[in-house]
Amino acid sequence: METNTVTAKAPSLWGNRFLQTILLSNMLLQIGIWVRNFAILLYVAKQTNNDPYAISLISVAEFAPIFIFSFIGGTFADRWRPKRTMITCDALSAVSVFAVLLTIHFGTWHAVYLVAFISAILSQFSQPSGMRLFKYHIPEEQQQQGMALFQSLMAVFMVLGPMLGTFVYSKFGLETSIAIMGVVFMLSAAVLVRLPEDMTQPQTAGGKGQFRKEFAEGFRYVWQTKVLRMLGAAFILAGLAVGVAQALNIFIVTERLGRDQDFLQYLLMVSGAAMLVGGGVVAVFSKRVAPQLLLIIGMLVGAACTVIVGYSTSVPLTLTVQFINGLVFPCIQIGISTMILKWSHASIVGRVNGVLNPMFVGMMVISMSFAGPLKDSFSLVSIYTGSGLLFLVGAFTMLPIINQKAPENIQTAPSAPSAL
């Protein structure tokens, strides 16, 4: 009788061992990533005298591998044991960081781009494995709340990360900053040992020769599922919008606001504080709001805020708009992640993530690559207005599926999808 009671009522999220472990691992990874990001940004800006091409290349080095390897990583994530995959990827990331550190010390400073490049490749195998485990270990009715908790953690580091990264780089320099990243990746791999054992069985020898078929199945699943197909269209438009704005943020600080480049950390801190509040609000009300509606709200507000940031020359106005944008940004992240989980069968969630993620990141890489030339040809006002319009169109693409319901049998459905 006690067994039936436990089965009927899911344990609280905070008591979930999987969630505890993943949050701790991500906290460590966020420390390393923020220290790395600001160390590389400030170092490259100093070395190149704020050259827009060199600065935008940082983002390209970080996001280009996502576009290239996400399809492959998502397919292998559905084939391999997810726990083992995540531990191995974090350990390999740490080893690669120390190898690049030696190259920087004894070779050329341009190797800093490799730190982000290699880490991004390995994350394409680790991240979909984490999504797959999330699907297995978090009850469906708690998944949107679980995503809200992840978003809240990211928001904490949006506040603390810039301060931490700037402090470490200013105090200890580039090499120590990168070494810290290597250490925390090793600690993350150690923490992930606490994850529940993989429930998936090793594939048979016959299954190992079906990579191409499984690879194509991910694309077919997304195309045949209307919600995921429309989400892909929104991804493409949002990626184009975010890429340019993200690559040129430092010029909003220096040109539109007339501040030193270090002021960028305060813009990020304001956004992070707002994201922390917004993530908490979404966590409370997540069961009452469809993930499609969350995504539409986030994109509409993001469109307006992007345009205003481009026009503003007032520090108080820009900070206020950044706060509003940060407040609703969790709606985008939580909406996207929840839709992928709810409309994807557990056996294919890695491939779905591997198909959709590059649509967003690939467009980001393209727009980041053109950020430098666009900056030379157009004003920041024009560029940010264009980005806002792309967000707006992306929101409109979601309207046809706003009332779509997730299939109830998604956990037990066969991996070959029917049109939804």
Protein backbone atom coordinates (compact mmCIF):
# COMPACT_ATOMS: atom_id res chain seq x y z
CA MET A 1 0.00 0.00 0.00
CA GLU A 2 2.90 2.33 0.74
CA THR A 3 4.31 1.55 -2.69
CA ASN A 4 1.11 2.66 -4.37
CA THR A 5 1.19 5.91 -2.45
CA VAL A 6 4.74 6.65 -3.52
CA THR A 7 3.92 5.85 -7.13
CA ALA A 8 0.86 8.10 -7.16
CA LYS A 9 2.64 11.13 -5.78
CA ALA A 10 5.90 12.36 -7.30
CA PRO A 11 8.55 13.49 -4.81
CA SER A 12 9.38 17.16 -4.56
CA LEU A 13 11.83 18.54 -7.08
CA TRP A 14 14.32 19.50 -4.37
CA GLY A 15 14.35 15.92 -3.10
CA ASN A 16 15.18 14.55 -6.56
CA ARG A 17 18.77 13.24 -6.51
CA PHE A 18 19.13 13.71 -10.25
CA LEU A 19 18.12 17.37 -10.08
CA GLN A 20 20.40 18.02 -7.09
CA THR A 21 23.38 16.55 -8.94
CA ILE A 22 22.71 18.32 -12.23
CA LEU A 23 22.26 21.69 -10.52
CA LEU A 24 25.55 21.32 -8.64
CA SER A 25 27.35 20.26 -11.81
CA ASN A 26 25.92 23.19 -13.74
CA MET A 27 26.88 25.60 -10.98
CA LEU A 28 30.51 24.49 -11.33
CA LEU A 29 30.36 24.71 -15.11
CA GLN A 30 28.88 28.20 -14.96
CA ILE A 31 31.79 29.37 -12.79
CA GLY A 32 34.27 28.14 -15.39
CA ILE A 33 32.32 29.44 -18.36
CA TRP A 34 31.87 32.97 -17.00
CA VAL A 35 35.51 33.24 -15.93
CA ARG A 36 36.51 32.03 -19.39
CA ASN A 37 34.10 34.29 -21.28
CA PHE A 38 35.20 37.52 -19.63
CA ALA A 39 38.87 36.60 -19.64
CA ILE A 40 38.82 35.96 -23.39
CA LEU A 41 36.61 38.98 -24.16
CA LEU A 42 38.70 41.46 -22.20
CA TYR A 43 41.99 39.93 -23.32
CA VAL A 44 41.10 39.96 -27.04
CA ALA A 45 39.68 43.49 -26.79
CA LYS A 46 42.95 44.62 -25.21
CA GLN A 47 45.17 42.77 -27.69
CA THR A 48 43.31 44.06 -30.77
CA ASN A 49 42.31 47.54 -29.55
CA ASN A 50 38.58 46.68 -29.62
CA ASP A 51 38.62 45.35 -33.18
CA PRO A 52 35.01 44.30 -33.98
CA TYR A 53 36.11 41.43 -36.21
CA ALA A 54 38.34 39.90 -33.53
CA ILE A 55 35.67 40.34 -30.86
CA SER A 56 32.91 38.81 -32.99
CA LEU A 57 35.25 35.88 -33.76
CA ILE A 58 35.04 34.90 -30.07
CA SER A 59 31.34 34.18 -30.46
CA VAL A 60 31.91 32.39 -33.76
CA ALA A 61 34.52 30.13 -32.11
CA GLU A 62 32.06 29.33 -29.33
CA PHE A 63 28.94 28.74 -31.42
CA ALA A 64 30.15 27.43 -34.80
CA PRO A 65 30.94 23.94 -33.39
CA ILE A 66 27.41 23.77 -32.02
CA PHE A 67 26.01 24.10 -35.52
CA ILE A 68 28.44 21.54 -36.93
CA PHE A 69 28.36 18.89 -34.18
CA SER A 70 24.88 19.19 -32.66
CA PHE A 71 23.30 16.80 -35.20
CA ILE A 72 25.97 14.19 -34.56
CA GLY A 73 26.05 14.73 -30.80
CA GLY A 74 22.28 14.39 -30.48
CA THR A 75 22.30 11.10 -32.39
CA PHE A 76 25.08 9.62 -30.29
CA ALA A 77 23.40 10.89 -27.11
CA ASP A 78 20.43 8.65 -27.94
CA ARG A 79 22.77 5.68 -28.50
CA TRP A 80 25.27 6.00 -25.66
CA ARG A 81 24.80 5.76 -21.91
CA PRO A 82 23.94 9.37 -20.96
CA LYS A 83 25.60 9.41 -17.52
CA ARG A 84 28.88 8.05 -18.86
CA THR A 85 28.73 10.46 -21.80
CA MET A 86 28.34 13.52 -19.57
CA ILE A 87 31.19 12.51 -17.24
CA THR A 88 33.51 11.74 -20.15
CA CYS A 89 32.75 15.03 -21.91
CA ASP A 90 33.45 17.13 -18.81
CA ALA A 91 36.72 15.26 -18.20
CA LEU A 92 37.82 15.68 -21.81
CA SER A 93 36.93 19.38 -21.68
CA ALA A 94 39.20 19.80 -18.67
CA VAL A 95 42.08 17.99 -20.38
CA SER A 96 41.66 20.09 -23.54
CA VAL A 97 41.65 23.32 -21.50
CA PHE A 98 45.01 22.47 -19.91
CA ALA A 99 46.43 21.48 -23.31
CA VAL A 100 45.37 24.82 -24.82
CA LEU A 101 46.75 26.60 -21.76
CA LEU A 102 50.19 25.17 -22.54
CA THR A 103 49.83 26.38 -26.13
CA ILE A 104 49.02 29.90 -24.94
CA HIS A 105 51.92 29.91 -22.49
CA PHE A 106 54.54 28.64 -24.92
CA GLY A 107 52.98 29.62 -28.25
CA THR A 108 50.54 32.29 -29.40
CA TRP A 109 47.72 34.16 -27.67
CA HIS A 110 45.40 33.36 -30.61
CA ALA A 111 44.96 29.91 -29.05
CA VAL A 112 42.44 31.49 -26.66
CA TYR A 113 39.82 30.88 -29.33
CA LEU A 114 40.45 27.13 -29.03
CA VAL A 115 39.29 27.13 -25.40
CA ALA A 116 35.74 28.04 -26.39
CA PHE A 117 35.91 25.99 -29.61
CA ILE A 118 36.80 22.62 -28.05
CA SER A 119 34.47 23.06 -25.08
CA ALA A 120 31.59 23.82 -27.44
CA ILE A 121 32.22 20.61 -29.42
CA LEU A 122 32.11 18.40 -26.34
CA SER A 123 29.01 20.14 -24.99
CA GLN A 124 27.10 18.90 -28.05
CA PHE A 125 27.41 15.35 -26.73
CA SER A 126 26.89 16.22 -23.06
CA GLN A 127 23.94 18.62 -23.28
CA PRO A 128 21.50 16.33 -25.16
CA SER A 129 22.47 13.50 -22.81
CA GLY A 130 21.41 15.74 -19.92
CA MET A 131 18.09 16.44 -21.64
CA ARG A 132 17.58 12.72 -22.07
CA LEU A 133 18.21 12.08 -18.37
CA PHE A 134 15.88 14.95 -17.51
CA LYS A 135 13.16 13.18 -19.48
CA TYR A 136 13.79 9.93 -17.58
CA HIS A 137 14.21 11.22 -14.02
CA ILE A 138 11.85 14.22 -13.75
CA PRO A 139 8.10 13.49 -13.77
CA GLU A 140 6.34 15.08 -16.73
CA GLU A 141 4.20 17.35 -14.55
CA GLN A 142 7.37 18.75 -12.94
CA GLN A 143 9.44 19.24 -16.09
CA GLN A 144 8.48 22.87 -16.70
CA GLN A 145 9.19 23.70 -13.05
CA GLY A 146 12.50 21.89 -13.30
CA MET A 147 13.45 23.96 -16.33
CA ALA A 148 12.52 27.09 -14.38
CA LEU A 149 14.98 26.08 -11.65
CA PHE A 150 17.71 25.66 -14.26
CA GLN A 151 16.88 29.10 -15.61
CA SER A 152 17.08 30.55 -12.11
CA LEU A 153 20.57 29.09 -11.72
CA MET A 154 21.62 30.67 -15.00
CA ALA A 155 20.18 33.96 -13.78
CA VAL A 156 22.24 33.82 -10.59
CA PHE A 157 25.37 33.62 -12.72
CA MET A 158 24.15 36.38 -15.00
CA VAL A 159 24.46 38.52 -11.85
CA LEU A 160 27.57 36.99 -10.30
CA GLY A 161 29.33 35.77 -13.44
CA PRO A 162 30.42 39.14 -14.89
CA MET A 163 31.76 40.28 -11.51
CA LEU A 164 33.53 36.97 -10.97
CA GLY A 165 34.99 36.86 -14.48
CA THR A 166 36.18 40.45 -14.43
CA PHE A 167 37.68 40.09 -10.95
CA VAL A 168 39.56 36.88 -11.73
CA TYR A 169 40.96 38.24 -15.01
CA SER A 170 41.92 41.60 -13.49
CA LYS A 171 43.53 39.98 -10.45
CA PHE A 172 45.20 36.90 -11.92
CA GLY A 173 45.32 37.31 -15.69
CA LEU A 174 44.38 35.13 -18.65
CA GLU A 175 46.24 31.91 -17.87
CA THR A 176 44.91 31.56 -14.32
CA SER A 177 41.37 32.30 -15.57
CA ILE A 178 41.60 29.49 -18.11
CA ALA A 179 43.16 27.13 -15.54
CA ILE A 180 40.18 27.74 -13.24
CA MET A 181 37.89 26.60 -16.04
CA GLY A 182 39.83 23.34 -16.34
CA VAL A 183 39.62 22.69 -12.60
CA VAL A 184 35.86 23.25 -12.33
CA PHE A 185 35.22 21.00 -15.33
CA MET A 186 37.10 18.23 -13.53
CA LEU A 187 35.04 18.87 -10.39
CA SER A 188 31.84 18.74 -12.46
CA ALA A 189 32.83 15.34 -13.85
CA ALA A 190 33.38 14.12 -10.26
CA VAL A 191 29.98 15.43 -9.15
CA LEU A 192 28.20 13.69 -12.03
CA VAL A 193 29.28 10.33 -10.60
CA ARG A 194 26.35 10.82 -8.16
CA LEU A 195 23.82 10.56 -10.98
CA PRO A 196 21.51 7.54 -10.90
CA GLU A 197 22.84 4.66 -12.96
CA ASP A 198 21.89 4.65 -16.63
CA MET A 199 18.65 2.80 -17.27
CA THR A 200 19.41 2.25 -20.95
CA GLN A 201 20.95 -1.00 -22.10
CA PRO A 202 24.01 -1.14 -24.38
CA GLN A 203 23.09 -1.35 -28.05
CA THR A 204 23.54 -4.59 -29.88
CA ALA A 205 26.18 -4.92 -32.55
CA GLY A 206 23.47 -4.70 -35.21
CA GLY A 207 22.25 -1.40 -33.82
CA LYS A 208 25.65 0.18 -34.07
CA GLY A 209 25.54 0.14 -37.87
CA GLN A 210 22.36 2.18 -38.07
CA PHE A 211 23.82 5.62 -37.33
CA ARG A 212 22.74 7.12 -40.66
CA LYS A 213 19.18 5.84 -40.25
CA GLU A 214 18.93 7.17 -36.69
CA PHE A 215 20.47 10.47 -37.78
CA ALA A 216 17.81 10.93 -40.47
CA GLU A 217 15.04 9.85 -38.08
CA GLY A 218 15.65 12.93 -35.93
CA PHE A 219 14.99 15.24 -38.90
CA ARG A 220 11.93 13.24 -39.91
CA TYR A 221 10.53 13.35 -36.38
CA VAL A 222 10.85 17.15 -36.20
CA TRP A 223 9.40 17.65 -39.68
CA GLN A 224 6.37 15.40 -39.02
CA THR A 225 5.61 17.03 -35.67
CA LYS A 226 3.89 20.35 -36.32
CA VAL A 227 4.82 21.96 -33.00
CA LEU A 228 8.49 21.09 -33.38
CA ARG A 229 8.47 22.21 -37.01
CA MET A 230 7.08 25.63 -36.10
CA LEU A 231 9.50 25.84 -33.18
CA GLY A 232 12.31 25.31 -35.68
CA ALA A 233 11.10 28.28 -37.75
CA ALA A 234 11.02 30.47 -34.65
CA PHE A 235 14.52 29.24 -33.76
CA ILE A 236 15.91 30.39 -37.10
CA LEU A 237 14.50 33.91 -36.77
CA ALA A 238 15.46 34.26 -33.12
CA GLY A 239 18.98 33.03 -33.85
CA LEU A 240 19.50 35.69 -36.51
CA ALA A 241 18.24 38.35 -34.10
CA VAL A 242 20.25 37.25 -31.07
CA GLY A 243 23.52 36.71 -32.92
CA VAL A 244 24.02 40.27 -34.11
CA ALA A 245 22.84 41.84 -30.87
CA GLN A 246 25.06 39.60 -28.74
CA ALA A 247 28.17 40.20 -30.83
CA LEU A 248 27.71 43.99 -30.77
CA ASN A 249 26.68 44.46 -27.13
CA ILE A 250 30.07 45.86 -26.24
CA PHE A 251 29.55 48.66 -28.80
CA ILE A 252 26.21 49.57 -27.23
CA VAL A 253 28.24 50.23 -24.08
CA THR A 254 31.10 52.13 -25.69
CA GLU A 255 29.32 54.04 -28.48
CA ARG A 256 25.67 54.48 -27.53
CA LEU A 257 26.23 54.88 -23.77
CA GLY A 258 29.73 56.37 -23.90
CA ARG A 259 31.09 54.09 -21.18
CA ASP A 260 34.18 51.91 -20.89
CA GLN A 261 33.91 48.30 -22.04
CA ASP A 262 33.95 47.12 -18.41
CA PHE A 263 30.45 48.60 -18.05
CA LEU A 264 29.16 45.61 -20.04
CA GLN A 265 29.26 43.56 -16.85
CA TYR A 266 26.65 45.85 -15.25
CA LEU A 267 24.26 45.38 -18.18
CA LEU A 268 24.62 41.64 -17.78
CA MET A 269 24.19 41.85 -14.02
CA VAL A 270 20.94 43.79 -14.38
CA SER A 271 19.66 41.22 -16.87
CA GLY A 272 20.71 38.39 -14.58
CA ALA A 273 18.95 39.85 -11.54
CA ALA A 274 15.78 40.20 -13.60
CA MET A 275 16.13 36.66 -14.94
CA LEU A 276 16.39 35.35 -11.40
CA VAL A 277 13.09 37.03 -10.51
CA GLY A 278 11.47 35.99 -13.79
CA GLY A 279 12.59 32.38 -13.41
CA GLY A 280 11.08 32.25 -9.94
CA VAL A 281 7.78 33.66 -11.19
CA VAL A 282 7.63 31.17 -14.05
CA ALA A 283 8.43 28.31 -11.66
CA VAL A 284 5.39 29.27 -9.56
CA PHE A 285 2.94 29.73 -12.43
CA SER A 286 4.41 27.27 -14.95
CA LYS A 287 1.64 24.68 -14.61
CA ARG A 288 -0.98 27.26 -15.61
CA VAL A 289 0.71 28.56 -18.77
CA ALA A 290 1.35 26.64 -21.98
CA PRO A 291 5.02 26.63 -23.04
CA GLN A 292 4.02 28.04 -26.47
CA LEU A 293 2.50 31.09 -24.80
CA LEU A 294 5.60 31.55 -22.65
CA LEU A 295 7.75 31.57 -25.77
CA ILE A 296 5.51 34.07 -27.60
CA ILE A 297 5.48 36.46 -24.63
CA GLY A 298 9.25 36.29 -24.33
CA MET A 299 9.84 36.97 -28.02
CA LEU A 300 7.39 39.88 -28.21
CA VAL A 301 8.94 41.63 -25.23
CA GLY A 302 12.40 40.80 -26.54
CA ALA A 303 11.54 42.47 -29.86
CA ALA A 304 10.53 45.72 -28.19
CA CYS A 305 13.49 45.75 -25.80
CA THR A 306 16.04 45.07 -28.55
CA VAL A 307 14.83 48.06 -30.57
CA ILE A 308 14.83 50.37 -27.55
CA VAL A 309 18.37 49.33 -26.55
CA GLY A 310 19.55 50.20 -30.05
CA TYR A 311 17.99 53.66 -29.90
CA SER A 312 18.83 54.53 -26.30
CA THR A 313 21.74 56.77 -25.33
CA SER A 314 20.56 56.96 -21.72
CA VAL A 315 22.16 54.68 -19.18
CA PRO A 316 19.07 54.58 -16.88
CA LEU A 317 16.76 53.79 -19.82
CA THR A 318 19.04 51.07 -21.17
CA LEU A 319 19.39 49.48 -17.74
CA THR A 320 15.61 49.59 -17.24
CA VAL A 321 14.97 47.95 -20.60
CA GLN A 322 17.63 45.34 -19.89
CA PHE A 323 15.83 44.55 -16.63
CA ILE A 324 12.48 44.14 -18.39
CA ASN A 325 14.06 41.98 -21.08
CA GLY A 326 15.75 39.84 -18.44
CA LEU A 327 12.48 39.51 -16.54
CA VAL A 328 10.75 37.77 -19.48
CA PHE A 329 13.79 35.99 -20.96
CA PRO A 330 13.14 32.86 -18.85
CA CYS A 331 9.86 32.53 -20.74
CA ILE A 332 11.86 31.88 -23.92
CA GLN A 333 14.32 29.41 -22.43
CA ILE A 334 11.77 27.51 -20.35
CA GLY A 335 9.20 27.48 -23.15
CA ILE A 336 11.67 26.05 -25.67
CA SER A 337 13.08 23.38 -23.37
CA THR A 338 9.64 22.29 -22.17
CA MET A 339 8.28 22.02 -25.71
CA ILE A 340 11.20 19.83 -26.76
CA LEU A 341 10.66 17.54 -23.76
CA LYS A 342 6.87 17.35 -24.03
CA TRP A 343 6.71 16.70 -27.77
CA SER A 344 9.66 14.29 -27.99
CA HIS A 345 9.71 10.62 -27.12
CA ALA A 346 12.40 9.69 -24.58
CA SER A 347 14.21 7.51 -27.15
CA ILE A 348 14.67 10.41 -29.58
CA VAL A 349 14.90 13.53 -27.40
CA GLY A 350 18.67 13.80 -28.02
CA ARG A 351 18.19 13.86 -31.78
CA VAL A 352 15.33 16.34 -31.59
CA ASN A 353 17.54 18.62 -29.53
CA GLY A 354 20.34 17.99 -32.03
CA VAL A 355 18.15 19.05 -34.93
CA LEU A 356 16.54 22.13 -33.38
CA ASN A 357 19.53 23.56 -31.54
CA PRO A 358 21.60 24.11 -34.72
CA MET A 359 18.72 25.99 -36.31
CA PHE A 360 19.07 28.59 -33.58
CA VAL A 361 22.83 28.43 -33.12
CA GLY A 362 23.58 28.16 -36.84
CA MET A 363 21.71 31.37 -37.52
CA MET A 364 23.50 32.96 -34.56
CA VAL A 365 26.85 32.01 -36.05
CA ILE A 366 25.88 33.41 -39.43
CA SER A 367 24.69 36.71 -37.98
CA MET A 368 27.72 36.90 -35.66
CA SER A 369 29.99 36.38 -38.63
CA PHE A 370 28.37 39.33 -40.38
CA ALA A 371 28.26 41.50 -37.25
CA GLY A 372 31.58 43.15 -38.03
CA PRO A 373 30.73 44.07 -41.67
CA LEU A 374 27.22 45.17 -40.62
CA LYS A 375 28.76 47.43 -37.99
CA ASP A 376 30.92 49.04 -40.66
CA SER A 377 27.97 49.56 -43.05
CA PHE A 378 25.03 50.41 -40.78
CA SER A 379 24.38 52.22 -37.53
CA LEU A 380 23.74 50.34 -34.31
CA VAL A 381 20.20 51.76 -34.33
CA SER A 382 19.46 50.17 -37.71
CA ILE A 383 21.03 46.84 -36.76
CA TYR A 384 19.15 46.53 -33.47
CA THR A 385 15.88 47.59 -35.11
CA GLY A 386 16.33 44.80 -37.64
CA SER A 387 16.99 42.33 -34.84
CA GLY A 388 13.81 43.43 -33.06
CA LEU A 389 11.77 42.85 -36.23
CA LEU A 390 13.16 39.33 -36.55
CA PHE A 391 12.04 38.60 -32.98
CA LEU A 392 8.57 39.92 -33.84
CA VAL A 393 8.21 37.69 -36.90
CA GLY A 394 9.44 34.74 -34.84
CA ALA A 395 6.69 35.32 -32.29
CA PHE A 396 4.05 35.39 -35.04
CA THR A 397 5.21 32.00 -36.37
CA MET A 398 4.20 30.43 -33.05
CA LEU A 399 0.59 31.66 -33.16
CA PRO A 400 -0.80 28.70 -35.21
CA ILE A 401 0.25 26.22 -32.49
CA ILE A 402 -0.57 28.27 -29.41
CA ASN A 403 -3.42 25.93 -28.38
CA GLN A 404 -1.72 22.66 -29.36
CA LYS A 405 -1.67 20.01 -26.62
CA ALA A 406 1.25 17.65 -26.03
CA PRO A 407 0.44 13.98 -26.82
CA GLU A 408 -0.31 12.05 -23.64
CA ASN A 409 1.41 8.84 -24.82
CA ILE A 410 4.73 10.51 -25.64
CA GLN A 411 6.60 8.53 -22.98
CA THR A 412 5.60 5.17 -24.38
CA ALA A 413 5.11 5.94 -28.06
CA PRO A 414 7.35 4.16 -30.55
CA SER A 415 10.33 6.14 -31.78
CA ALA A 416 8.96 6.41 -35.31
CA PRO A 417 6.57 9.36 -35.14
CA SER A 418 3.25 10.03 -36.69
CA ALA A 419 2.31 13.47 -37.86
CA LEU A 420 1.06 15.55 -34.97
